[in-house]
N, C-alpha and C. Protein backbone atom coordinates (compact mmCIF):
# COMPACT_ATOMS: atom_id res chain seq x y z
N UNK A 1 84.73 170.67 81.89
CA UNK A 1 85.36 170.13 83.09
C UNK A 1 85.89 171.26 83.96
N UNK A 2 85.93 171.05 85.24
CA UNK A 2 86.40 172.07 86.17
C UNK A 2 87.90 172.25 86.04
N UNK A 3 88.32 173.47 85.74
CA UNK A 3 89.75 173.73 85.58
C UNK A 3 90.22 174.89 86.43
N UNK A 4 89.37 175.38 87.35
CA UNK A 4 89.73 176.55 88.12
C UNK A 4 90.26 176.23 89.50
N UNK A 5 90.28 174.98 89.89
CA UNK A 5 90.69 174.63 91.24
C UNK A 5 92.21 174.70 91.39
N UNK A 6 92.67 174.89 92.61
CA UNK A 6 94.09 174.81 92.88
C UNK A 6 94.32 173.63 93.80
N UNK A 7 95.51 173.10 93.76
CA UNK A 7 95.82 171.90 94.54
C UNK A 7 96.66 172.26 95.74
N UNK A 8 96.28 171.74 96.88
CA UNK A 8 97.05 171.94 98.10
C UNK A 8 97.93 170.72 98.31
N UNK A 9 99.17 170.78 97.86
CA UNK A 9 100.08 169.65 97.99
C UNK A 9 101.00 169.84 99.17
N UNK A 10 101.23 168.80 99.95
CA UNK A 10 102.10 168.87 101.11
C UNK A 10 103.04 167.68 101.11
N UNK A 11 104.27 167.85 101.65
CA UNK A 11 105.13 166.69 101.83
C UNK A 11 104.44 165.64 102.67
N UNK A 12 104.85 164.39 102.50
CA UNK A 12 104.17 163.29 103.18
C UNK A 12 104.08 163.50 104.68
N UNK A 13 105.14 164.00 105.29
CA UNK A 13 105.17 164.14 106.74
C UNK A 13 104.20 165.21 107.24
N UNK A 14 103.73 166.12 106.35
CA UNK A 14 102.88 167.22 106.78
C UNK A 14 101.44 167.07 106.32
N UNK A 15 101.14 166.00 105.63
CA UNK A 15 99.77 165.82 105.19
C UNK A 15 98.86 165.57 106.38
N UNK A 16 97.74 166.23 106.40
CA UNK A 16 96.77 166.02 107.47
C UNK A 16 95.40 165.83 106.83
N UNK A 17 94.45 165.51 107.66
CA UNK A 17 93.09 165.29 107.18
C UNK A 17 92.30 166.60 107.11
N UNK A 18 92.91 167.74 107.42
CA UNK A 18 92.18 168.99 107.52
C UNK A 18 91.38 169.30 106.25
N UNK A 19 92.05 169.27 105.09
CA UNK A 19 91.36 169.59 103.85
C UNK A 19 90.24 168.61 103.56
N UNK A 20 90.47 167.35 103.85
CA UNK A 20 89.46 166.32 103.61
C UNK A 20 88.24 166.54 104.51
N UNK A 21 88.48 166.96 105.72
CA UNK A 21 87.37 167.18 106.66
C UNK A 21 86.51 168.38 106.26
N UNK A 22 87.05 169.29 105.47
CA UNK A 22 86.29 170.46 105.03
C UNK A 22 85.36 170.15 103.86
N UNK A 23 85.53 168.99 103.25
CA UNK A 23 84.74 168.66 102.06
C UNK A 23 83.28 168.44 102.40
N UNK A 24 82.37 168.96 101.59
CA UNK A 24 80.94 168.76 101.83
C UNK A 24 80.40 167.48 101.19
N UNK A 25 81.29 166.56 100.85
CA UNK A 25 80.89 165.31 100.20
C UNK A 25 81.68 164.15 100.80
N UNK A 26 81.24 162.95 100.51
CA UNK A 26 81.91 161.75 101.03
C UNK A 26 83.13 161.42 100.17
N UNK A 27 84.19 160.93 100.82
CA UNK A 27 85.39 160.50 100.12
C UNK A 27 85.31 159.00 99.82
N UNK A 28 85.91 158.63 98.72
CA UNK A 28 85.98 157.21 98.35
C UNK A 28 87.42 156.73 98.30
N UNK A 29 87.58 155.47 98.71
CA UNK A 29 88.86 154.80 98.61
C UNK A 29 88.61 153.36 98.20
N UNK A 30 89.66 152.55 98.21
CA UNK A 30 89.46 151.13 97.94
C UNK A 30 88.71 150.50 99.11
N UNK A 31 87.91 149.50 98.83
CA UNK A 31 87.11 148.88 99.88
C UNK A 31 87.96 147.99 100.78
N UNK A 32 87.32 147.32 101.72
CA UNK A 32 88.03 146.57 102.75
C UNK A 32 88.79 145.36 102.21
N UNK A 33 88.53 144.99 100.98
CA UNK A 33 89.28 143.88 100.39
C UNK A 33 90.76 144.24 100.22
N UNK A 34 91.06 145.54 100.14
CA UNK A 34 92.45 145.98 100.06
C UNK A 34 93.01 146.10 101.47
N UNK A 35 94.11 145.41 101.75
CA UNK A 35 94.65 145.37 103.12
C UNK A 35 96.01 146.04 103.23
N UNK A 36 96.47 146.71 102.19
CA UNK A 36 97.78 147.35 102.23
C UNK A 36 97.75 148.74 102.83
N UNK A 37 98.85 149.46 102.63
CA UNK A 37 99.00 150.82 103.18
C UNK A 37 98.05 151.79 102.49
N UNK A 38 97.59 152.76 103.26
CA UNK A 38 96.71 153.83 102.75
C UNK A 38 97.30 155.17 103.17
N UNK A 39 97.24 156.17 102.30
CA UNK A 39 97.85 157.46 102.61
C UNK A 39 97.12 158.60 101.89
N UNK A 40 97.14 159.77 102.54
CA UNK A 40 96.51 160.95 101.97
C UNK A 40 97.43 161.56 100.92
N UNK A 41 96.83 162.22 99.94
CA UNK A 41 97.61 162.92 98.93
C UNK A 41 97.33 164.42 98.99
N UNK A 42 96.34 164.91 98.23
CA UNK A 42 96.04 166.33 98.28
C UNK A 42 94.58 166.56 97.92
N UNK A 43 94.10 167.75 98.29
CA UNK A 43 92.77 168.17 97.89
C UNK A 43 92.90 169.32 96.93
N UNK A 44 91.88 169.49 96.08
CA UNK A 44 91.82 170.62 95.17
C UNK A 44 90.68 171.53 95.59
N UNK A 45 90.93 172.84 95.63
CA UNK A 45 89.91 173.78 96.10
C UNK A 45 89.63 174.85 95.06
N UNK A 46 88.45 175.43 95.15
CA UNK A 46 88.10 176.57 94.32
C UNK A 46 88.71 177.82 94.94
N UNK A 47 88.56 178.93 94.24
CA UNK A 47 89.15 180.18 94.71
C UNK A 47 88.60 180.60 96.08
N UNK A 48 87.37 180.19 96.38
CA UNK A 48 86.79 180.57 97.67
C UNK A 48 87.12 179.57 98.78
N UNK A 49 87.96 178.59 98.47
CA UNK A 49 88.39 177.63 99.48
C UNK A 49 87.53 176.38 99.57
N UNK A 50 86.46 176.31 98.78
CA UNK A 50 85.60 175.13 98.81
C UNK A 50 86.34 173.93 98.23
N UNK A 51 86.35 172.83 98.96
CA UNK A 51 87.00 171.62 98.48
C UNK A 51 86.16 171.00 97.37
N UNK A 52 86.80 170.72 96.22
CA UNK A 52 86.08 170.20 95.08
C UNK A 52 86.48 168.78 94.71
N UNK A 53 87.70 168.40 95.01
CA UNK A 53 88.15 167.05 94.71
C UNK A 53 89.38 166.73 95.54
N UNK A 54 89.74 165.47 95.56
CA UNK A 54 90.94 165.07 96.30
C UNK A 54 91.30 163.63 95.99
N UNK A 55 92.51 163.25 96.39
CA UNK A 55 93.04 161.93 96.05
C UNK A 55 93.50 161.20 97.31
N UNK A 56 93.35 159.88 97.28
CA UNK A 56 93.77 159.02 98.38
C UNK A 56 94.53 157.84 97.80
N UNK A 57 95.72 157.57 98.37
CA UNK A 57 96.58 156.55 97.82
C UNK A 57 96.50 155.22 98.54
N UNK A 58 96.85 154.18 97.80
CA UNK A 58 96.81 152.81 98.32
C UNK A 58 98.01 152.04 97.77
N UNK A 59 98.74 151.38 98.67
CA UNK A 59 99.90 150.60 98.24
C UNK A 59 101.19 151.37 98.43
N UNK A 60 102.09 151.25 97.46
CA UNK A 60 103.37 151.96 97.52
C UNK A 60 103.17 153.42 97.13
N UNK A 61 103.79 154.35 97.88
CA UNK A 61 103.74 155.74 97.45
C UNK A 61 104.57 155.88 96.19
N UNK A 62 103.96 156.29 95.07
CA UNK A 62 104.70 156.34 93.81
C UNK A 62 105.72 157.48 93.78
N UNK A 63 106.77 157.27 93.03
CA UNK A 63 107.77 158.30 92.78
C UNK A 63 107.93 158.43 91.29
N UNK A 64 108.47 159.56 90.84
CA UNK A 64 108.67 159.76 89.41
C UNK A 64 109.71 158.77 88.92
N UNK A 65 109.37 158.02 87.90
CA UNK A 65 110.26 156.99 87.37
C UNK A 65 110.52 157.21 85.88
N UNK A 66 111.79 157.25 85.49
CA UNK A 66 112.12 157.24 84.08
C UNK A 66 112.59 155.86 83.65
N UNK A 67 112.83 154.99 84.63
CA UNK A 67 113.26 153.62 84.37
C UNK A 67 112.03 152.72 84.43
N UNK A 68 111.62 152.20 83.29
CA UNK A 68 110.39 151.40 83.24
C UNK A 68 110.45 150.20 84.16
N UNK A 69 111.61 149.56 84.26
CA UNK A 69 111.72 148.37 85.11
C UNK A 69 111.54 148.73 86.57
N UNK A 70 112.02 149.91 86.98
CA UNK A 70 111.84 150.36 88.36
C UNK A 70 110.38 150.71 88.62
N UNK A 71 109.74 151.34 87.63
CA UNK A 71 108.34 151.72 87.79
C UNK A 71 107.46 150.50 87.96
N UNK A 72 107.80 149.42 87.26
CA UNK A 72 106.98 148.23 87.31
C UNK A 72 106.98 147.59 88.69
N UNK A 73 107.96 147.91 89.51
CA UNK A 73 108.03 147.33 90.86
C UNK A 73 107.07 148.01 91.82
N UNK A 74 106.62 149.20 91.45
CA UNK A 74 105.67 149.90 92.30
C UNK A 74 104.27 149.34 92.11
N UNK A 75 103.57 149.18 93.22
CA UNK A 75 102.19 148.71 93.18
C UNK A 75 101.32 149.71 93.92
N UNK A 76 100.54 150.47 93.19
CA UNK A 76 99.70 151.46 93.85
C UNK A 76 98.44 151.72 93.04
N UNK A 77 97.43 152.22 93.75
CA UNK A 77 96.20 152.70 93.12
C UNK A 77 95.78 153.96 93.86
N UNK A 78 95.50 154.99 93.12
CA UNK A 78 95.05 156.26 93.69
C UNK A 78 93.60 156.48 93.29
N UNK A 79 92.77 156.79 94.28
CA UNK A 79 91.35 157.03 94.04
C UNK A 79 91.08 158.53 94.15
N UNK A 80 90.48 159.09 93.11
CA UNK A 80 90.15 160.52 93.07
C UNK A 80 88.65 160.67 93.23
N UNK A 81 88.23 161.46 94.21
CA UNK A 81 86.81 161.76 94.41
C UNK A 81 86.54 163.17 93.94
N UNK A 82 85.53 163.34 93.10
CA UNK A 82 85.18 164.65 92.55
C UNK A 82 83.73 164.96 92.89
N UNK A 83 83.49 166.09 93.52
CA UNK A 83 82.12 166.48 93.83
C UNK A 83 81.35 166.74 92.55
N UNK A 84 80.19 166.13 92.40
CA UNK A 84 79.34 166.36 91.24
C UNK A 84 78.62 167.70 91.41
N UNK A 85 78.73 168.56 90.41
CA UNK A 85 78.06 169.85 90.50
C UNK A 85 77.70 170.34 89.10
N UNK A 86 76.60 171.08 88.98
CA UNK A 86 76.18 171.61 87.68
C UNK A 86 77.01 172.84 87.31
N UNK A 87 76.85 173.31 86.09
CA UNK A 87 77.48 174.58 85.73
C UNK A 87 76.92 175.67 86.64
N UNK A 88 77.81 176.53 87.13
CA UNK A 88 77.38 177.53 88.09
C UNK A 88 78.22 178.79 87.97
N UNK A 89 77.71 179.88 88.51
CA UNK A 89 78.43 181.14 88.45
C UNK A 89 79.55 181.18 89.49
N UNK A 90 80.60 181.92 89.17
CA UNK A 90 81.67 182.11 90.13
C UNK A 90 81.17 182.95 91.30
N UNK A 91 81.91 182.91 92.39
CA UNK A 91 81.48 183.63 93.58
C UNK A 91 81.32 185.12 93.38
N UNK A 92 82.15 185.70 92.47
CA UNK A 92 82.04 187.15 92.25
C UNK A 92 81.06 187.50 91.14
N UNK A 93 80.43 186.48 90.54
CA UNK A 93 79.42 186.71 89.53
C UNK A 93 79.95 187.13 88.17
N UNK A 94 81.26 187.05 87.97
CA UNK A 94 81.85 187.53 86.71
C UNK A 94 81.99 186.44 85.65
N UNK A 95 81.71 185.21 86.01
CA UNK A 95 81.88 184.12 85.04
C UNK A 95 81.13 182.89 85.49
N UNK A 96 81.38 181.78 84.80
CA UNK A 96 80.76 180.52 85.16
C UNK A 96 81.82 179.45 85.31
N UNK A 97 81.52 178.49 86.14
CA UNK A 97 82.38 177.33 86.32
C UNK A 97 81.73 176.14 85.61
N UNK A 98 82.54 175.38 84.91
CA UNK A 98 82.02 174.22 84.20
C UNK A 98 81.44 173.21 85.18
N UNK A 99 80.47 172.45 84.70
CA UNK A 99 79.95 171.34 85.50
C UNK A 99 81.03 170.29 85.68
N UNK A 100 81.02 169.63 86.82
CA UNK A 100 81.93 168.50 87.02
C UNK A 100 81.20 167.23 86.63
N UNK A 101 81.87 166.38 85.89
CA UNK A 101 81.27 165.18 85.33
C UNK A 101 82.23 164.01 85.50
N UNK A 102 81.86 162.86 84.97
CA UNK A 102 82.77 161.72 84.96
C UNK A 102 84.03 162.07 84.17
N UNK A 103 83.89 162.91 83.15
CA UNK A 103 85.06 163.34 82.38
C UNK A 103 86.03 164.12 83.26
N UNK A 104 85.50 164.89 84.21
CA UNK A 104 86.37 165.61 85.14
C UNK A 104 87.22 164.63 85.94
N UNK A 105 86.59 163.56 86.41
CA UNK A 105 87.32 162.54 87.18
C UNK A 105 88.35 161.83 86.30
N UNK A 106 87.99 161.57 85.04
CA UNK A 106 88.92 160.91 84.12
C UNK A 106 90.13 161.79 83.85
N UNK A 107 89.92 163.09 83.70
CA UNK A 107 91.04 163.99 83.44
C UNK A 107 91.96 164.10 84.66
N UNK A 108 91.38 164.25 85.84
CA UNK A 108 92.20 164.33 87.05
C UNK A 108 93.00 163.06 87.26
N UNK A 109 92.39 161.91 86.97
CA UNK A 109 93.11 160.64 87.11
C UNK A 109 94.21 160.53 86.07
N UNK A 110 93.90 160.90 84.82
CA UNK A 110 94.90 160.81 83.77
C UNK A 110 96.08 161.71 84.01
N UNK A 111 95.84 162.95 84.43
CA UNK A 111 96.94 163.86 84.70
C UNK A 111 97.68 163.45 85.96
N UNK A 112 96.97 162.84 86.91
CA UNK A 112 97.63 162.35 88.12
C UNK A 112 98.65 161.27 87.82
N UNK A 113 98.30 160.35 86.95
CA UNK A 113 99.24 159.29 86.58
C UNK A 113 100.46 159.88 85.90
N UNK A 114 100.26 160.88 85.05
CA UNK A 114 101.38 161.49 84.34
C UNK A 114 102.38 162.16 85.29
N UNK A 115 101.89 162.61 86.44
CA UNK A 115 102.78 163.30 87.38
C UNK A 115 103.89 162.41 87.90
N UNK A 116 103.73 161.09 87.75
CA UNK A 116 104.73 160.16 88.29
C UNK A 116 105.48 159.41 87.20
N UNK A 117 105.46 159.93 85.97
CA UNK A 117 106.10 159.19 84.88
C UNK A 117 106.80 160.14 83.92
N UNK A 118 107.76 159.62 83.22
CA UNK A 118 108.23 160.21 81.99
C UNK A 118 109.04 159.17 81.24
N UNK A 119 109.11 159.26 79.91
CA UNK A 119 109.81 158.24 79.13
C UNK A 119 111.29 158.16 79.49
N UNK A 120 111.83 156.96 79.51
CA UNK A 120 113.22 156.75 79.92
C UNK A 120 114.20 157.53 79.05
N UNK A 121 113.87 157.72 77.76
CA UNK A 121 114.81 158.38 76.86
C UNK A 121 114.70 159.90 76.91
N UNK A 122 113.80 160.42 77.73
CA UNK A 122 113.55 161.86 77.75
C UNK A 122 114.46 162.55 78.75
N UNK A 123 115.11 163.63 78.31
CA UNK A 123 115.98 164.43 79.18
C UNK A 123 115.12 165.16 80.22
N UNK A 124 115.67 165.32 81.42
CA UNK A 124 114.93 166.01 82.48
C UNK A 124 114.49 167.40 82.04
N UNK A 125 115.34 168.07 81.28
CA UNK A 125 115.04 169.44 80.88
C UNK A 125 113.81 169.53 79.97
N UNK A 126 113.48 168.43 79.32
CA UNK A 126 112.35 168.41 78.39
C UNK A 126 111.07 167.88 79.03
N UNK A 127 111.15 167.48 80.30
CA UNK A 127 109.99 166.83 80.92
C UNK A 127 108.78 167.75 80.99
N UNK A 128 109.00 169.05 81.28
CA UNK A 128 107.86 169.96 81.38
C UNK A 128 107.10 170.04 80.07
N UNK A 129 107.84 170.12 78.95
CA UNK A 129 107.17 170.17 77.65
C UNK A 129 106.41 168.88 77.39
N UNK A 130 107.04 167.75 77.72
CA UNK A 130 106.38 166.46 77.53
C UNK A 130 105.13 166.37 78.39
N UNK A 131 105.23 166.84 79.64
CA UNK A 131 104.09 166.76 80.56
C UNK A 131 102.94 167.63 80.08
N UNK A 132 103.26 168.83 79.58
CA UNK A 132 102.21 169.71 79.05
C UNK A 132 101.49 169.04 77.89
N UNK A 133 102.27 168.44 77.00
CA UNK A 133 101.68 167.79 75.83
C UNK A 133 100.81 166.61 76.23
N UNK A 134 101.32 165.79 77.14
CA UNK A 134 100.58 164.60 77.56
C UNK A 134 99.35 164.96 78.38
N UNK A 135 99.43 166.03 79.17
CA UNK A 135 98.28 166.47 79.96
C UNK A 135 97.16 166.95 79.03
N UNK A 136 97.53 167.64 77.96
CA UNK A 136 96.53 168.06 76.98
C UNK A 136 95.89 166.85 76.32
N UNK A 137 96.70 165.83 76.03
CA UNK A 137 96.17 164.60 75.46
C UNK A 137 95.21 163.93 76.44
N UNK A 138 95.58 163.91 77.74
CA UNK A 138 94.71 163.32 78.76
C UNK A 138 93.39 164.06 78.83
N UNK A 139 93.44 165.38 78.67
CA UNK A 139 92.22 166.19 78.69
C UNK A 139 91.32 165.81 77.52
N UNK A 140 91.91 165.68 76.33
CA UNK A 140 91.13 165.34 75.14
C UNK A 140 90.53 163.94 75.26
N UNK A 141 91.30 162.99 75.80
CA UNK A 141 90.78 161.64 75.98
C UNK A 141 89.63 161.62 76.99
N UNK A 142 89.78 162.40 78.06
CA UNK A 142 88.74 162.44 79.08
C UNK A 142 87.45 163.05 78.55
N UNK A 143 87.58 163.90 77.53
CA UNK A 143 86.41 164.56 76.96
C UNK A 143 85.71 163.67 75.94
N UNK A 144 86.26 162.47 75.69
CA UNK A 144 85.70 161.56 74.70
C UNK A 144 85.65 160.15 75.28
N UNK A 145 84.88 160.00 76.36
CA UNK A 145 84.84 158.72 77.06
C UNK A 145 84.18 157.61 76.24
N UNK A 146 83.46 157.96 75.20
CA UNK A 146 82.86 156.95 74.33
C UNK A 146 83.76 156.60 73.16
N UNK A 147 84.96 157.20 73.13
CA UNK A 147 85.88 156.98 72.02
C UNK A 147 86.59 155.65 72.09
N UNK A 148 87.38 155.35 71.05
CA UNK A 148 88.03 154.04 70.94
C UNK A 148 89.13 153.78 71.95
N UNK A 149 89.62 154.83 72.60
CA UNK A 149 90.70 154.64 73.58
C UNK A 149 90.19 154.03 74.88
N UNK A 150 88.88 154.05 75.06
CA UNK A 150 88.29 153.60 76.32
C UNK A 150 87.53 152.29 76.13
N UNK A 151 87.61 151.44 77.13
CA UNK A 151 86.74 150.27 77.20
C UNK A 151 85.89 150.42 78.46
N UNK A 152 85.02 149.46 78.74
CA UNK A 152 84.17 149.55 79.92
C UNK A 152 84.37 148.31 80.78
N UNK A 153 84.22 148.51 82.07
CA UNK A 153 84.22 147.39 83.00
C UNK A 153 83.31 147.74 84.16
N UNK A 154 82.88 146.72 84.88
CA UNK A 154 81.99 146.90 86.02
C UNK A 154 82.76 146.63 87.30
N UNK A 155 82.70 147.58 88.23
CA UNK A 155 83.39 147.44 89.51
C UNK A 155 82.41 147.80 90.63
N UNK A 156 82.55 147.15 91.79
CA UNK A 156 81.64 147.46 92.90
C UNK A 156 81.93 148.80 93.56
N UNK A 157 80.88 149.56 93.78
CA UNK A 157 80.95 150.82 94.54
C UNK A 157 79.96 150.69 95.68
N UNK A 158 80.46 150.66 96.90
CA UNK A 158 79.60 150.39 98.07
C UNK A 158 78.82 149.10 97.87
N UNK A 159 79.47 148.13 97.24
CA UNK A 159 78.87 146.82 97.06
C UNK A 159 77.95 146.67 95.87
N UNK A 160 77.72 147.77 95.13
CA UNK A 160 76.82 147.74 93.98
C UNK A 160 77.63 147.84 92.70
N UNK A 161 77.50 146.91 91.76
CA UNK A 161 78.26 146.99 90.51
C UNK A 161 77.91 148.28 89.75
N UNK A 162 78.95 149.00 89.32
CA UNK A 162 78.76 150.25 88.58
C UNK A 162 79.66 150.24 87.35
N UNK A 163 79.22 150.85 86.25
CA UNK A 163 80.03 150.88 85.03
C UNK A 163 81.14 151.93 85.12
N UNK A 164 82.30 151.58 84.61
CA UNK A 164 83.44 152.49 84.57
C UNK A 164 84.05 152.52 83.18
N UNK A 165 84.58 153.67 82.81
CA UNK A 165 85.38 153.81 81.61
C UNK A 165 86.83 153.50 81.99
N UNK A 166 87.53 152.78 81.12
CA UNK A 166 88.86 152.28 81.48
C UNK A 166 89.80 152.37 80.28
N UNK A 167 91.03 152.77 80.52
CA UNK A 167 92.05 152.72 79.47
C UNK A 167 93.41 152.43 80.09
N UNK A 168 94.26 151.85 79.28
CA UNK A 168 95.63 151.54 79.70
C UNK A 168 96.61 152.32 78.85
N UNK A 169 97.79 152.59 79.43
CA UNK A 169 98.89 153.19 78.69
C UNK A 169 100.17 152.50 79.12
N UNK A 170 101.29 152.90 78.53
CA UNK A 170 102.56 152.29 78.92
C UNK A 170 102.95 152.66 80.35
N UNK A 171 102.30 153.66 80.92
CA UNK A 171 102.66 154.12 82.26
C UNK A 171 101.74 153.59 83.35
N UNK A 172 100.62 153.02 82.97
CA UNK A 172 99.67 152.54 83.96
C UNK A 172 98.26 152.56 83.40
N UNK A 173 97.28 152.57 84.27
CA UNK A 173 95.88 152.56 83.83
C UNK A 173 95.11 153.71 84.48
N UNK A 174 93.99 154.04 83.86
CA UNK A 174 93.11 155.11 84.32
C UNK A 174 91.67 154.63 84.18
N UNK A 175 90.84 154.95 85.15
CA UNK A 175 89.41 154.65 85.03
C UNK A 175 88.59 155.76 85.66
N UNK A 176 87.32 155.81 85.29
CA UNK A 176 86.43 156.84 85.84
C UNK A 176 84.98 156.38 85.73
N UNK A 177 84.19 156.77 86.73
CA UNK A 177 82.78 156.41 86.73
C UNK A 177 82.02 157.24 87.75
N UNK A 178 80.73 157.00 87.84
CA UNK A 178 79.86 157.73 88.75
C UNK A 178 79.51 156.86 89.95
N UNK A 179 78.94 157.48 90.97
CA UNK A 179 78.45 156.76 92.13
C UNK A 179 76.99 157.15 92.36
N UNK A 180 76.39 156.50 93.33
CA UNK A 180 75.02 156.86 93.71
C UNK A 180 75.02 157.85 94.87
N UNK A 181 76.21 158.37 95.21
CA UNK A 181 76.33 159.26 96.37
C UNK A 181 76.63 160.70 95.98
N UNK A 182 76.39 161.07 94.72
CA UNK A 182 76.58 162.45 94.32
C UNK A 182 78.02 162.86 94.07
N UNK A 183 78.90 161.91 93.85
CA UNK A 183 80.28 162.22 93.49
C UNK A 183 80.70 161.33 92.32
N UNK A 184 81.77 161.73 91.66
CA UNK A 184 82.37 160.93 90.60
C UNK A 184 83.68 160.35 91.12
N UNK A 185 84.04 159.19 90.61
CA UNK A 185 85.28 158.53 91.01
C UNK A 185 86.20 158.41 89.80
N UNK A 186 87.45 158.80 90.00
CA UNK A 186 88.50 158.52 89.05
C UNK A 186 89.54 157.69 89.78
N UNK A 187 90.33 156.95 89.06
CA UNK A 187 91.40 156.18 89.70
C UNK A 187 92.51 155.95 88.68
N UNK A 188 93.73 155.82 89.19
CA UNK A 188 94.87 155.49 88.34
C UNK A 188 95.86 154.66 89.15
N UNK A 189 96.69 153.92 88.45
CA UNK A 189 97.66 153.11 89.16
C UNK A 189 98.52 152.30 88.23
N UNK A 190 99.41 151.54 88.82
CA UNK A 190 100.21 150.58 88.08
C UNK A 190 100.66 149.49 89.06
N UNK A 191 100.93 148.32 88.51
CA UNK A 191 101.36 147.20 89.34
C UNK A 191 100.23 146.49 90.04
N UNK A 192 99.04 147.08 90.06
CA UNK A 192 97.84 146.47 90.63
C UNK A 192 96.78 146.41 89.53
N UNK A 193 96.11 145.30 89.40
CA UNK A 193 95.08 145.17 88.37
C UNK A 193 93.85 145.99 88.73
N UNK A 194 93.40 146.80 87.79
CA UNK A 194 92.18 147.57 88.01
C UNK A 194 90.96 146.67 88.08
N UNK A 195 91.04 145.51 87.45
CA UNK A 195 89.87 144.64 87.35
C UNK A 195 89.48 144.02 88.69
N UNK A 196 90.37 144.04 89.65
CA UNK A 196 90.05 143.45 90.94
C UNK A 196 89.70 144.46 92.01
N UNK A 197 89.52 145.72 91.63
CA UNK A 197 89.30 146.77 92.63
C UNK A 197 87.82 146.91 92.99
N UNK A 198 87.58 147.42 94.18
CA UNK A 198 86.26 147.80 94.62
C UNK A 198 86.39 149.10 95.38
N UNK A 199 85.35 149.93 95.38
CA UNK A 199 85.40 151.24 96.03
C UNK A 199 84.33 151.33 97.12
N UNK A 200 84.64 152.11 98.13
CA UNK A 200 83.69 152.30 99.22
C UNK A 200 83.94 153.65 99.88
N UNK A 201 82.88 154.18 100.50
CA UNK A 201 83.02 155.43 101.25
C UNK A 201 84.04 155.23 102.37
N UNK A 202 84.90 156.22 102.54
CA UNK A 202 85.90 156.18 103.61
C UNK A 202 85.21 156.59 104.91
N UNK A 203 85.05 155.65 105.79
CA UNK A 203 84.36 155.92 107.06
C UNK A 203 85.31 156.48 108.11
N UNK A 204 86.61 156.17 107.99
CA UNK A 204 87.59 156.57 109.00
C UNK A 204 88.83 157.12 108.30
N UNK A 205 88.98 158.46 108.27
CA UNK A 205 90.15 159.06 107.66
C UNK A 205 91.44 158.69 108.39
N UNK A 206 91.30 158.23 109.63
CA UNK A 206 92.47 157.83 110.39
C UNK A 206 93.25 156.70 109.73
N UNK A 207 92.57 155.93 108.88
CA UNK A 207 93.25 154.85 108.20
C UNK A 207 94.25 155.38 107.18
N UNK A 208 94.12 156.67 106.82
CA UNK A 208 94.96 157.25 105.80
C UNK A 208 95.99 158.24 106.35
N UNK A 209 96.04 158.42 107.63
CA UNK A 209 96.95 159.42 108.18
C UNK A 209 98.07 158.78 108.99
């Protein structure tokens, strides 16, 4: 899975479509059946500035919650688009970059969900250790999509039913699958059922800004 990208994160008021417009691939979000708020999150780039993945939010903008009852009131789904690419050499020729796969999308979605959670009984000072541990677990789960932690479901992508890997946790749900447009889709959320979602190419980034 691709692990060399860096994330360009900006406060909500400063997010723009600039990074998204630089991407050489199509972005995916929830389809027109979703009528709630839409917002940009961040893009991930390689060392040479090439956009490799990014996230788009739907519903309530999530915040870090240690209170489970407060977290349950949030309703959101985040769609992660990952450019599909084979294993390739780095720009300086000194190494190789892993191929991006559905597992890449699953890992980005799993770690994305963790960014907005921590157990209620956990002290703030210990959150970084907990997050490191859980992120490693998310990586291992994403690398074993045929394992017992995952189930499968079919969701529409551009109107065509496509298979997705799906799992739930106490913090929310994660899913990942492929498209016919040369990208992989990951998604995570809580308060919204994953079973009712559909995905489509984002034709107008203005809906998210």
